[in-house]
Amino acid sequence: MVELIDPVVIGLIASPHGVRGTMRVKAPGSGRHLREGVEPEVNGERYRILAARETPKGFLVDLEGVTDRDLAASLRGFEMRLEREELDSPEEEEFYVGDLVGLDVFSISGEYLGSVAEVLETPAHEILVVNDEGQERYLPFTYEHVPEVDLGGGRIVASLSEAQE
């Protein structure tokens, strides 16, 4: 069994696709790590990606050793994870969404709003769940609502609409 030290989710197995073991996978972000040759951990085991192709509903992924629908179905709901050191380096001005958890959130005027407790995936964009002493606020992760992310400084600047304040 493989145990990752600093895992990062690169995909979530949604369902089998066809009868030969292909799986529909939902990727957080661009899905750039769902490609041939990458070996993510799934349910404690490493699997090499044989093929991956993007579709309007996510990715179709073939893993080495997963050769039938029943085995693919047994992996439904499991995350595909890599060690952080195995990830491609983010481009300038890019970061991994999971790295936002724990950052402090401030309004444009400097008011402390809380810290990011989790990131929710939606079809449109991610939602930051900002928690301040038990009070939750949902912040769309878009340029309009989050004009500044300072990973090094451990902070996010949020532009709130009147409905969010």
N, C-alpha and C. Protein backbone atom coordinates (compact mmCIF):
# COMPACT_ATOMS: atom_id res chain seq x y z
N MET A 1 0.84 -1.18 0.00
CA MET A 1 0.00 0.00 0.00
C MET A 1 0.88 1.24 0.00
N VAL A 2 0.55 2.19 -0.86
CA VAL A 2 1.29 3.44 -1.00
C VAL A 2 0.67 4.48 -0.07
N GLU A 3 1.50 5.17 0.70
CA GLU A 3 1.02 6.26 1.54
C GLU A 3 1.75 7.52 1.15
N LEU A 4 0.99 8.51 0.71
CA LEU A 4 1.58 9.77 0.27
C LEU A 4 1.78 10.70 1.45
N ILE A 5 2.87 11.45 1.43
CA ILE A 5 3.21 12.38 2.51
C ILE A 5 2.49 13.72 2.34
N ASP A 6 2.52 14.27 1.13
CA ASP A 6 1.92 15.57 0.84
C ASP A 6 1.07 15.44 -0.43
N PRO A 7 -0.08 14.73 -0.33
CA PRO A 7 -0.86 14.44 -1.53
C PRO A 7 -1.63 15.64 -2.08
N VAL A 8 -1.74 15.64 -3.41
CA VAL A 8 -2.54 16.64 -4.11
C VAL A 8 -3.48 15.87 -5.04
N VAL A 9 -4.76 16.20 -4.97
CA VAL A 9 -5.76 15.52 -5.80
C VAL A 9 -5.67 16.05 -7.23
N ILE A 10 -5.50 15.12 -8.19
CA ILE A 10 -5.47 15.51 -9.60
C ILE A 10 -6.74 15.07 -10.32
N GLY A 11 -7.56 14.25 -9.66
CA GLY A 11 -8.81 13.81 -10.27
C GLY A 11 -9.64 13.01 -9.28
N LEU A 12 -10.92 12.92 -9.58
CA LEU A 12 -11.87 12.12 -8.81
C LEU A 12 -12.56 11.18 -9.79
N ILE A 13 -12.48 9.87 -9.51
CA ILE A 13 -13.09 8.89 -10.40
C ILE A 13 -14.60 8.94 -10.22
N ALA A 14 -15.30 9.30 -11.31
CA ALA A 14 -16.75 9.51 -11.24
C ALA A 14 -17.54 8.27 -11.60
N SER A 15 -17.12 7.54 -12.64
CA SER A 15 -17.89 6.38 -13.08
C SER A 15 -17.11 5.62 -14.14
N PRO A 16 -17.49 4.35 -14.34
CA PRO A 16 -16.90 3.62 -15.46
C PRO A 16 -17.48 4.14 -16.77
N HIS A 17 -16.75 3.93 -17.85
CA HIS A 17 -17.21 4.36 -19.17
C HIS A 17 -16.92 3.22 -20.14
N GLY A 18 -17.93 2.57 -20.61
CA GLY A 18 -17.73 1.43 -21.50
C GLY A 18 -17.43 0.17 -20.71
N VAL A 19 -16.96 -0.86 -21.42
CA VAL A 19 -16.75 -2.17 -20.80
C VAL A 19 -15.28 -2.55 -20.64
N ARG A 20 -14.35 -1.73 -21.09
CA ARG A 20 -12.93 -2.09 -21.09
C ARG A 20 -12.12 -1.46 -19.96
N GLY A 21 -12.79 -0.89 -18.95
CA GLY A 21 -12.07 -0.34 -17.81
C GLY A 21 -11.81 1.16 -17.87
N THR A 22 -12.25 1.81 -18.92
CA THR A 22 -12.09 3.26 -19.00
C THR A 22 -12.96 3.91 -17.92
N MET A 23 -12.45 4.99 -17.33
CA MET A 23 -13.18 5.68 -16.27
C MET A 23 -13.37 7.14 -16.61
N ARG A 24 -14.52 7.66 -16.21
CA ARG A 24 -14.78 9.10 -16.32
C ARG A 24 -14.19 9.73 -15.05
N VAL A 25 -13.33 10.74 -15.23
CA VAL A 25 -12.64 11.38 -14.12
C VAL A 25 -12.91 12.88 -14.16
N LYS A 26 -13.25 13.44 -13.00
CA LYS A 26 -13.42 14.89 -12.88
C LYS A 26 -12.14 15.45 -12.28
N ALA A 27 -11.61 16.46 -12.92
CA ALA A 27 -10.33 17.05 -12.49
C ALA A 27 -10.56 18.41 -11.86
N PRO A 28 -9.91 18.66 -10.72
CA PRO A 28 -9.91 20.04 -10.22
C PRO A 28 -8.95 20.85 -11.09
N GLY A 29 -9.34 21.99 -11.51
CA GLY A 29 -8.46 22.79 -12.36
C GLY A 29 -8.42 22.28 -13.78
N SER A 30 -7.27 22.43 -14.42
CA SER A 30 -7.14 22.14 -15.85
C SER A 30 -7.06 20.66 -16.19
N GLY A 31 -6.67 19.83 -15.23
CA GLY A 31 -6.50 18.41 -15.51
C GLY A 31 -5.21 18.09 -16.23
N ARG A 32 -4.25 19.00 -16.20
CA ARG A 32 -3.01 18.80 -16.96
C ARG A 32 -2.18 17.62 -16.46
N HIS A 33 -2.44 17.13 -15.25
CA HIS A 33 -1.70 15.98 -14.75
C HIS A 33 -2.35 14.66 -15.12
N LEU A 34 -3.50 14.71 -15.74
CA LEU A 34 -4.16 13.50 -16.23
C LEU A 34 -3.65 13.25 -17.65
N ARG A 35 -2.49 12.63 -17.73
CA ARG A 35 -1.87 12.38 -19.04
C ARG A 35 -1.08 11.08 -18.99
N GLU A 36 -0.82 10.57 -20.16
CA GLU A 36 -0.11 9.30 -20.31
C GLU A 36 1.22 9.31 -19.56
N GLY A 37 1.48 8.23 -18.84
CA GLY A 37 2.74 8.06 -18.13
C GLY A 37 2.74 8.49 -16.68
N VAL A 38 1.81 9.35 -16.29
CA VAL A 38 1.71 9.79 -14.89
C VAL A 38 1.20 8.60 -14.07
N GLU A 39 1.69 8.46 -12.84
CA GLU A 39 1.32 7.32 -12.00
C GLU A 39 0.68 7.78 -10.69
N PRO A 40 -0.61 8.14 -10.73
CA PRO A 40 -1.26 8.59 -9.50
C PRO A 40 -1.56 7.42 -8.55
N GLU A 41 -1.72 7.76 -7.28
CA GLU A 41 -2.15 6.81 -6.27
C GLU A 41 -3.68 6.84 -6.26
N VAL A 42 -4.28 5.64 -6.26
CA VAL A 42 -5.72 5.48 -6.18
C VAL A 42 -5.99 4.38 -5.16
N ASN A 43 -6.70 4.72 -4.09
CA ASN A 43 -7.05 3.72 -3.07
C ASN A 43 -5.83 2.95 -2.57
N GLY A 44 -4.73 3.65 -2.35
CA GLY A 44 -3.53 3.03 -1.79
C GLY A 44 -2.62 2.32 -2.77
N GLU A 45 -2.95 2.33 -4.05
CA GLU A 45 -2.14 1.67 -5.09
C GLU A 45 -1.76 2.68 -6.16
N ARG A 46 -0.60 2.47 -6.77
CA ARG A 46 -0.16 3.30 -7.91
C ARG A 46 -0.64 2.66 -9.20
N TYR A 47 -1.17 3.48 -10.09
CA TYR A 47 -1.59 3.03 -11.42
C TYR A 47 -0.99 3.98 -12.45
N ARG A 48 -0.45 3.44 -13.53
CA ARG A 48 0.08 4.27 -14.61
C ARG A 48 -1.04 4.60 -15.57
N ILE A 49 -1.14 5.88 -15.95
CA ILE A 49 -2.14 6.30 -16.92
C ILE A 49 -1.67 5.89 -18.30
N LEU A 50 -2.48 5.07 -18.97
CA LEU A 50 -2.17 4.62 -20.34
C LEU A 50 -2.68 5.60 -21.38
N ALA A 51 -3.83 6.20 -21.09
CA ALA A 51 -4.41 7.17 -22.02
C ALA A 51 -5.36 8.07 -21.25
N ALA A 52 -5.48 9.32 -21.67
CA ALA A 52 -6.41 10.27 -21.09
C ALA A 52 -6.84 11.23 -22.18
N ARG A 53 -8.12 11.46 -22.23
CA ARG A 53 -8.64 12.41 -23.22
C ARG A 53 -9.75 13.24 -22.58
N GLU A 54 -9.75 14.52 -22.90
CA GLU A 54 -10.73 15.44 -22.34
C GLU A 54 -12.04 15.36 -23.11
N THR A 55 -13.14 15.42 -22.39
CA THR A 55 -14.48 15.46 -22.98
C THR A 55 -15.24 16.62 -22.33
N PRO A 56 -16.41 16.96 -22.84
CA PRO A 56 -17.18 18.03 -22.20
C PRO A 56 -17.57 17.70 -20.75
N LYS A 57 -17.60 16.42 -20.37
CA LYS A 57 -18.00 16.03 -19.01
C LYS A 57 -16.82 15.64 -18.14
N GLY A 58 -15.62 15.99 -18.51
CA GLY A 58 -14.44 15.64 -17.73
C GLY A 58 -13.43 14.92 -18.60
N PHE A 59 -12.75 13.94 -18.02
CA PHE A 59 -11.73 13.19 -18.74
C PHE A 59 -12.11 11.72 -18.78
N LEU A 60 -11.71 11.05 -19.85
CA LEU A 60 -11.80 9.60 -19.92
C LEU A 60 -10.38 9.09 -19.76
N VAL A 61 -10.18 8.22 -18.76
CA VAL A 61 -8.84 7.80 -18.39
C VAL A 61 -8.77 6.27 -18.36
N ASP A 62 -7.70 5.74 -18.95
CA ASP A 62 -7.40 4.31 -18.90
C ASP A 62 -6.19 4.12 -18.00
N LEU A 63 -6.34 3.26 -16.98
CA LEU A 63 -5.23 2.96 -16.07
C LEU A 63 -4.73 1.56 -16.32
N GLU A 64 -3.41 1.40 -16.23
CA GLU A 64 -2.80 0.09 -16.38
C GLU A 64 -3.36 -0.86 -15.31
N GLY A 65 -3.80 -2.03 -15.73
CA GLY A 65 -4.33 -3.03 -14.81
C GLY A 65 -5.83 -2.94 -14.59
N VAL A 66 -6.46 -1.87 -15.03
CA VAL A 66 -7.92 -1.74 -14.92
C VAL A 66 -8.48 -2.06 -16.30
N THR A 67 -8.93 -3.32 -16.46
CA THR A 67 -9.26 -3.80 -17.80
C THR A 67 -10.72 -4.15 -18.01
N ASP A 68 -11.55 -3.96 -16.98
CA ASP A 68 -12.98 -4.24 -17.19
C ASP A 68 -13.83 -3.27 -16.39
N ARG A 69 -15.08 -3.23 -16.76
CA ARG A 69 -16.04 -2.29 -16.16
C ARG A 69 -16.19 -2.51 -14.65
N ASP A 70 -16.20 -3.76 -14.20
CA ASP A 70 -16.40 -4.03 -12.77
C ASP A 70 -15.26 -3.44 -11.94
N LEU A 71 -14.03 -3.61 -12.39
CA LEU A 71 -12.90 -3.05 -11.66
C LEU A 71 -12.94 -1.52 -11.68
N ALA A 72 -13.27 -0.97 -12.83
CA ALA A 72 -13.40 0.50 -12.93
C ALA A 72 -14.50 0.99 -11.98
N ALA A 73 -15.62 0.28 -11.91
CA ALA A 73 -16.73 0.67 -11.04
C ALA A 73 -16.32 0.59 -9.57
N SER A 74 -15.46 -0.35 -9.22
CA SER A 74 -15.03 -0.48 -7.82
C SER A 74 -14.17 0.69 -7.37
N LEU A 75 -13.63 1.45 -8.31
CA LEU A 75 -12.80 2.61 -7.99
C LEU A 75 -13.59 3.92 -7.96
N ARG A 76 -14.89 3.84 -8.26
CA ARG A 76 -15.74 5.03 -8.27
C ARG A 76 -15.67 5.73 -6.92
N GLY A 77 -15.50 7.04 -6.96
CA GLY A 77 -15.46 7.85 -5.74
C GLY A 77 -14.07 8.04 -5.16
N PHE A 78 -13.08 7.29 -5.65
CA PHE A 78 -11.72 7.45 -5.13
C PHE A 78 -11.01 8.60 -5.83
N GLU A 79 -10.13 9.25 -5.08
CA GLU A 79 -9.31 10.32 -5.63
C GLU A 79 -8.08 9.75 -6.31
N MET A 80 -7.64 10.44 -7.34
CA MET A 80 -6.35 10.16 -7.98
C MET A 80 -5.41 11.24 -7.44
N ARG A 81 -4.33 10.80 -6.77
CA ARG A 81 -3.46 11.74 -6.08
C ARG A 81 -1.99 11.54 -6.46
N LEU A 82 -1.26 12.65 -6.42
CA LEU A 82 0.19 12.64 -6.61
C LEU A 82 0.82 13.34 -5.42
N GLU A 83 2.09 13.03 -5.17
CA GLU A 83 2.86 13.80 -4.20
C GLU A 83 3.06 15.20 -4.79
N ARG A 84 3.07 16.19 -3.95
CA ARG A 84 3.26 17.57 -4.41
C ARG A 84 4.52 17.69 -5.26
N GLU A 85 5.60 17.00 -4.88
CA GLU A 85 6.86 17.10 -5.63
C GLU A 85 6.76 16.49 -7.03
N GLU A 86 5.74 15.67 -7.28
CA GLU A 86 5.56 15.07 -8.60
C GLU A 86 4.81 15.98 -9.56
N LEU A 87 4.22 17.04 -9.04
CA LEU A 87 3.42 17.95 -9.87
C LEU A 87 4.31 18.83 -10.73
N ASP A 88 3.76 19.24 -11.88
CA ASP A 88 4.44 20.24 -12.69
C ASP A 88 4.49 21.54 -11.88
N SER A 89 5.55 22.29 -12.05
CA SER A 89 5.64 23.58 -11.37
C SER A 89 4.59 24.51 -11.95
N PRO A 90 3.88 25.23 -11.09
CA PRO A 90 2.90 26.17 -11.62
C PRO A 90 3.60 27.29 -12.39
N GLU A 91 2.91 27.81 -13.38
CA GLU A 91 3.43 28.96 -14.13
C GLU A 91 3.41 30.18 -13.20
N GLU A 92 4.06 31.24 -13.65
CA GLU A 92 4.03 32.47 -12.87
C GLU A 92 2.58 32.92 -12.73
N GLU A 93 2.21 33.42 -11.56
CA GLU A 93 0.85 33.86 -11.26
C GLU A 93 -0.14 32.69 -11.16
N GLU A 94 0.34 31.43 -11.15
CA GLU A 94 -0.52 30.26 -10.98
C GLU A 94 -0.20 29.59 -9.65
N PHE A 95 -1.16 28.82 -9.16
CA PHE A 95 -0.96 28.05 -7.93
C PHE A 95 -2.00 26.95 -7.92
N TYR A 96 -1.85 26.02 -7.00
CA TYR A 96 -2.82 24.95 -6.86
C TYR A 96 -3.90 25.39 -5.88
N VAL A 97 -5.16 25.17 -6.27
CA VAL A 97 -6.29 25.63 -5.50
C VAL A 97 -6.23 25.11 -4.07
N GLY A 98 -5.78 23.89 -3.87
CA GLY A 98 -5.67 23.32 -2.53
C GLY A 98 -4.75 24.11 -1.62
N ASP A 99 -3.83 24.88 -2.22
CA ASP A 99 -2.91 25.69 -1.42
C ASP A 99 -3.60 26.91 -0.80
N LEU A 100 -4.83 27.17 -1.20
CA LEU A 100 -5.56 28.32 -0.63
C LEU A 100 -6.11 28.02 0.76
N VAL A 101 -6.31 26.74 1.08
CA VAL A 101 -6.85 26.36 2.39
C VAL A 101 -5.89 26.83 3.47
N GLY A 102 -6.44 27.55 4.44
CA GLY A 102 -5.65 28.07 5.55
C GLY A 102 -5.24 29.52 5.39
N LEU A 103 -5.37 30.07 4.17
CA LEU A 103 -4.99 31.47 3.97
C LEU A 103 -6.01 32.40 4.62
N ASP A 104 -5.55 33.52 5.15
CA ASP A 104 -6.43 34.54 5.72
C ASP A 104 -7.06 35.34 4.58
N VAL A 105 -8.31 35.73 4.78
CA VAL A 105 -9.05 36.48 3.76
C VAL A 105 -9.39 37.86 4.33
N PHE A 106 -9.09 38.89 3.54
CA PHE A 106 -9.36 40.27 3.92
C PHE A 106 -10.18 40.94 2.83
N SER A 107 -11.04 41.87 3.22
CA SER A 107 -11.77 42.66 2.23
C SER A 107 -10.80 43.67 1.61
N ILE A 108 -11.22 44.31 0.55
CA ILE A 108 -10.39 45.33 -0.10
C ILE A 108 -10.05 46.45 0.88
N SER A 109 -10.98 46.74 1.80
CA SER A 109 -10.73 47.80 2.79
C SER A 109 -9.85 47.33 3.95
N GLY A 110 -9.46 46.03 3.98
CA GLY A 110 -8.56 45.53 5.00
C GLY A 110 -9.22 44.80 6.15
N GLU A 111 -10.55 44.68 6.13
CA GLU A 111 -11.26 43.98 7.20
C GLU A 111 -11.00 42.47 7.12
N TYR A 112 -10.67 41.86 8.26
CA TYR A 112 -10.45 40.41 8.31
C TYR A 112 -11.79 39.71 8.17
N LEU A 113 -11.88 38.77 7.22
CA LEU A 113 -13.12 38.05 6.97
C LEU A 113 -13.09 36.61 7.45
N GLY A 114 -11.90 36.09 7.74
CA GLY A 114 -11.76 34.70 8.18
C GLY A 114 -10.63 34.03 7.42
N SER A 115 -10.64 32.70 7.46
CA SER A 115 -9.63 31.96 6.70
C SER A 115 -10.33 30.92 5.84
N VAL A 116 -9.66 30.51 4.78
CA VAL A 116 -10.23 29.54 3.86
C VAL A 116 -10.23 28.17 4.55
N ALA A 117 -11.43 27.61 4.77
CA ALA A 117 -11.58 26.31 5.43
C ALA A 117 -11.55 25.17 4.42
N GLU A 118 -12.12 25.41 3.25
CA GLU A 118 -12.12 24.40 2.19
C GLU A 118 -12.44 25.05 0.87
N VAL A 119 -12.24 24.29 -0.20
CA VAL A 119 -12.54 24.75 -1.55
C VAL A 119 -13.54 23.76 -2.15
N LEU A 120 -14.69 24.28 -2.58
CA LEU A 120 -15.71 23.45 -3.20
C LEU A 120 -15.61 23.55 -4.72
N GLU A 121 -15.70 22.42 -5.39
CA GLU A 121 -15.69 22.41 -6.86
C GLU A 121 -17.11 22.53 -7.37
N THR A 122 -17.34 23.42 -8.32
CA THR A 122 -18.63 23.52 -9.00
C THR A 122 -18.36 23.52 -10.50
N PRO A 123 -19.37 23.28 -11.31
CA PRO A 123 -19.13 23.30 -12.75
C PRO A 123 -18.64 24.66 -13.27
N ALA A 124 -19.05 25.73 -12.63
CA ALA A 124 -18.67 27.06 -13.11
C ALA A 124 -17.28 27.47 -12.64
N HIS A 125 -17.00 27.29 -11.35
CA HIS A 125 -15.73 27.71 -10.75
C HIS A 125 -15.66 27.17 -9.33
N GLU A 126 -14.52 27.30 -8.70
CA GLU A 126 -14.38 26.88 -7.32
C GLU A 126 -15.03 27.91 -6.40
N ILE A 127 -15.46 27.45 -5.23
CA ILE A 127 -16.02 28.32 -4.20
C ILE A 127 -15.13 28.18 -2.97
N LEU A 128 -14.67 29.31 -2.44
CA LEU A 128 -13.88 29.29 -1.22
C LEU A 128 -14.84 29.38 -0.03
N VAL A 129 -14.72 28.46 0.90
CA VAL A 129 -15.50 28.50 2.13
C VAL A 129 -14.63 29.21 3.16
N VAL A 130 -15.06 30.42 3.52
CA VAL A 130 -14.30 31.27 4.45
C VAL A 130 -14.98 31.18 5.81
N ASN A 131 -14.21 30.78 6.82
CA ASN A 131 -14.76 30.57 8.15
C ASN A 131 -14.14 31.58 9.11
N ASP A 132 -15.01 32.24 9.88
CA ASP A 132 -14.55 33.15 10.92
C ASP A 132 -15.34 32.85 12.18
N GLU A 133 -14.71 32.13 13.10
CA GLU A 133 -15.32 31.76 14.38
C GLU A 133 -16.68 31.11 14.19
N GLY A 134 -16.75 30.15 13.30
CA GLY A 134 -17.99 29.40 13.07
C GLY A 134 -18.92 30.00 12.04
N GLN A 135 -18.69 31.22 11.63
CA GLN A 135 -19.51 31.85 10.60
C GLN A 135 -18.89 31.55 9.24
N GLU A 136 -19.69 30.96 8.36
CA GLU A 136 -19.18 30.63 7.02
C GLU A 136 -19.67 31.62 6.00
N ARG A 137 -18.79 31.91 5.07
CA ARG A 137 -19.10 32.78 3.95
C ARG A 137 -18.60 32.06 2.71
N TYR A 138 -19.38 32.10 1.64
CA TYR A 138 -19.00 31.43 0.40
C TYR A 138 -18.56 32.49 -0.60
N LEU A 139 -17.33 32.31 -1.08
CA LEU A 139 -16.72 33.30 -1.95
C LEU A 139 -16.37 32.66 -3.29
N PRO A 140 -17.02 33.10 -4.38
CA PRO A 140 -16.67 32.54 -5.69
C PRO A 140 -15.20 32.83 -6.00
N PHE A 141 -14.49 31.83 -6.47
CA PHE A 141 -13.08 32.02 -6.78
C PHE A 141 -12.96 32.46 -8.23
N THR A 142 -13.22 33.74 -8.43
CA THR A 142 -13.11 34.39 -9.74
C THR A 142 -12.28 35.66 -9.56
N TYR A 143 -11.75 36.21 -10.66
CA TYR A 143 -10.98 37.45 -10.56
C TYR A 143 -11.82 38.59 -10.00
N GLU A 144 -13.11 38.58 -10.33
CA GLU A 144 -14.00 39.63 -9.85
C GLU A 144 -14.10 39.61 -8.33
N HIS A 145 -14.18 38.43 -7.73
CA HIS A 145 -14.38 38.31 -6.28
C HIS A 145 -13.06 38.14 -5.51
N VAL A 146 -12.03 37.64 -6.18
CA VAL A 146 -10.73 37.45 -5.53
C VAL A 146 -9.66 38.07 -6.43
N PRO A 147 -9.49 39.40 -6.31
CA PRO A 147 -8.53 40.07 -7.18
C PRO A 147 -7.07 39.83 -6.82
N GLU A 148 -6.82 39.33 -5.59
CA GLU A 148 -5.41 39.16 -5.19
C GLU A 148 -5.24 37.92 -4.32
N VAL A 149 -4.24 37.11 -4.67
CA VAL A 149 -3.83 35.96 -3.87
C VAL A 149 -2.34 36.11 -3.62
N ASP A 150 -1.97 36.13 -2.36
CA ASP A 150 -0.57 36.25 -1.96
C ASP A 150 -0.21 35.01 -1.15
N LEU A 151 0.22 33.95 -1.86
CA LEU A 151 0.56 32.70 -1.16
C LEU A 151 1.68 32.91 -0.17
N GLY A 152 2.72 33.63 -0.57
CA GLY A 152 3.86 33.86 0.31
C GLY A 152 3.47 34.62 1.56
N GLY A 153 2.55 35.56 1.42
CA GLY A 153 2.09 36.35 2.56
C GLY A 153 0.95 35.70 3.32
N GLY A 154 0.44 34.59 2.79
CA GLY A 154 -0.62 33.86 3.47
C GLY A 154 -1.96 34.57 3.50
N ARG A 155 -2.25 35.33 2.42
CA ARG A 155 -3.49 36.12 2.44
C ARG A 155 -4.15 36.21 1.07
N ILE A 156 -5.45 36.45 1.13
CA ILE A 156 -6.28 36.65 -0.05
C ILE A 156 -7.03 37.96 0.15
N VAL A 157 -7.18 38.72 -0.92
CA VAL A 157 -8.00 39.92 -0.87
C VAL A 157 -9.29 39.62 -1.63
N ALA A 158 -10.42 39.89 -0.97
CA ALA A 158 -11.73 39.59 -1.55
C ALA A 158 -12.50 40.87 -1.83
N SER A 159 -13.15 40.90 -2.97
CA SER A 159 -14.04 42.00 -3.33
C SER A 159 -15.46 41.47 -3.18
N LEU A 160 -16.12 41.92 -2.10
CA LEU A 160 -17.45 41.39 -1.79
C LEU A 160 -18.55 42.23 -2.40
N SER A 161 -19.59 41.56 -2.87
CA SER A 161 -20.78 42.27 -3.33
C SER A 161 -21.60 42.61 -2.09
N GLU A 162 -22.61 43.46 -2.23
CA GLU A 162 -23.43 43.83 -1.08
C GLU A 162 -24.11 42.61 -0.47
N ALA A 163 -24.49 41.65 -1.29
CA ALA A 163 -25.17 40.45 -0.81
C ALA A 163 -24.25 39.59 0.06
N GLN A 164 -22.95 39.66 -0.14
CA GLN A 164 -22.00 38.84 0.60
C GLN A 164 -21.57 39.48 1.91
N GLU A 165 -21.75 40.79 2.02
CA GLU A 165 -21.25 41.49 3.21
C GLU A 165 -22.10 41.25 4.42
